[in-house]
Amino acid sequence: MKAVVDQDACISCGLCPEVCPEVFRMNDDDKAEAYVDPVPPGAEDAARDAADQCPVEAIAIE
């Protein structure tokens, strides 16, 4: 499983690293990024939750 953040769509709300800090963080441009690949098995549900809660649907789970 892989998480990908669309940097152009991200509005820097900070929700995804709050929901799933094991996968997401804010980068130097204050945009969210997935910093692990693949998503660790114990964080898969949280990564899906972060994607589902993203207000602009900037996260894709593959």
C-alpha atoms as a PDB file:
ATOM      1  CA  MET A   1       0.000   0.000   0.000  1.00  0.00           C
ATOM      2  CA  LYS A   2       1.256   3.451  -0.916  1.00  0.00           C
ATOM      3  CA  ALA A   3       0.027   6.922   0.067  1.00  0.00           C
ATOM      4  CA  VAL A   4       0.529   9.871  -2.281  1.00  0.00           C
ATOM      5  CA  VAL A   5      -0.255  13.531  -1.587  1.00  0.00           C
ATOM      6  CA  ASP A   6      -1.098  15.858  -4.471  1.00  0.00           C
ATOM      7  CA  GLN A   7       1.054  18.869  -3.553  1.00  0.00           C
ATOM      8  CA  ASP A   8      -0.951  21.170  -5.832  1.00  0.00           C
ATOM      9  CA  ALA A   9      -4.237  20.245  -4.161  1.00  0.00           C
ATOM     10  CA  CYS A  10      -2.962  20.296  -0.562  1.00  0.00           C
ATOM     11  CA  ILE A  11      -4.230  23.299   1.440  1.00  0.00           C
ATOM     12  CA  SER A  12      -1.808  22.753   4.356  1.00  0.00           C
ATOM     13  CA  CYS A  13      -4.551  22.054   6.887  1.00  0.00           C
ATOM     14  CA  GLY A  14      -2.353  19.605   8.830  1.00  0.00           C
ATOM     15  CA  LEU A  15      -5.092  17.036   9.319  1.00  0.00           C
ATOM     16  CA  CYS A  16      -3.310  14.051   7.769  1.00  0.00           C
ATOM     17  CA  PRO A  17      -0.208  14.177  10.014  1.00  0.00           C
ATOM     18  CA  GLU A  18      -2.535  14.639  12.965  1.00  0.00           C
ATOM     19  CA  VAL A  19      -4.520  11.528  12.003  1.00  0.00           C
ATOM     20  CA  CYS A  20      -1.573   9.418  10.814  1.00  0.00           C
ATOM     21  CA  PRO A  21       1.864  10.754  11.838  1.00  0.00           C
ATOM     22  CA  GLU A  22       3.417   7.390  10.950  1.00  0.00           C
ATOM     23  CA  VAL A  23       2.901   8.188   7.257  1.00  0.00           C
ATOM     24  CA  PHE A  24       2.318  11.930   6.807  1.00  0.00           C
ATOM     25  CA  ARG A  25       4.220  15.052   7.781  1.00  0.00           C
ATOM     26  CA  MET A  26       4.378  18.679   6.706  1.00  0.00           C
ATOM     27  CA  ASN A  27       7.322  19.486   4.422  1.00  0.00           C
ATOM     28  CA  ASP A  28       9.415  22.666   4.168  1.00  0.00           C
ATOM     29  CA  ASP A  29       6.794  24.233   1.885  1.00  0.00           C
ATOM     30  CA  ASP A  30       4.159  23.586   4.605  1.00  0.00           C
ATOM     31  CA  LYS A  31       2.479  21.005   2.387  1.00  0.00           C
ATOM     32  CA  ALA A  32       1.638  17.488   3.508  1.00  0.00           C
ATOM     33  CA  GLU A  33       3.741  14.622   2.232  1.00  0.00           C
ATOM     34  CA  ALA A  34       3.813  10.877   2.672  1.00  0.00           C
ATOM     35  CA  TYR A  35       7.317  10.196   3.931  1.00  0.00           C
ATOM     36  CA  VAL A  36       7.242   6.387   4.044  1.00  0.00           C
ATOM     37  CA  ASP A  37       6.759   3.913   1.236  1.00  0.00           C
ATOM     38  CA  PRO A  38       5.131   1.519   1.634  1.00  0.00           C
ATOM     39  CA  VAL A  39       2.667   2.404   4.395  1.00  0.00           C
ATOM     40  CA  PRO A  40       3.585   0.305   7.460  1.00  0.00           C
ATOM     41  CA  PRO A  41       1.068  -2.515   8.089  1.00  0.00           C
ATOM     42  CA  GLY A  42       0.041  -1.068  11.466  1.00  0.00           C
ATOM     43  CA  ALA A  43      -0.722   2.335   9.949  1.00  0.00           C
ATOM     44  CA  GLU A  44      -2.862   1.292   6.973  1.00  0.00           C
ATOM     45  CA  ASP A  45      -6.221   2.031   8.614  1.00  0.00           C
ATOM     46  CA  ALA A  46      -5.012   5.420   9.873  1.00  0.00           C
ATOM     47  CA  ALA A  47      -3.652   6.307   6.418  1.00  0.00           C
ATOM     48  CA  ARG A  48      -7.027   5.469   4.863  1.00  0.00           C
ATOM     49  CA  ASP A  49      -8.744   7.580   7.535  1.00  0.00           C
ATOM     50  CA  ALA A  50      -6.450  10.509   6.741  1.00  0.00           C
ATOM     51  CA  ALA A  51      -7.257  10.189   3.041  1.00  0.00           C
ATOM     52  CA  ASP A  52     -10.993   9.981   3.761  1.00  0.00           C
ATOM     53  CA  GLN A  53     -10.862  13.061   6.018  1.00  0.00           C
ATOM     54  CA  CYS A  54      -8.783  15.234   3.664  1.00  0.00           C
ATOM     55  CA  PRO A  55     -11.047  18.234   2.929  1.00  0.00           C
ATOM     56  CA  VAL A  56      -9.731  18.592  -0.636  1.00  0.00           C
ATOM     57  CA  GLU A  57      -9.194  14.897  -1.440  1.00  0.00           C
ATOM     58  CA  ALA A  58      -5.466  15.467  -1.985  1.00  0.00           C
ATOM     59  CA  ILE A  59      -4.446  12.001  -0.731  1.00  0.00           C
ATOM     60  CA  ALA A  60      -4.498   8.912  -2.892  1.00  0.00           C
ATOM     61  CA  ILE A  61      -4.081   5.439  -1.416  1.00  0.00           C
ATOM     62  CA  GLU A  62      -2.749   2.939  -3.945  1.00  0.00           C
END
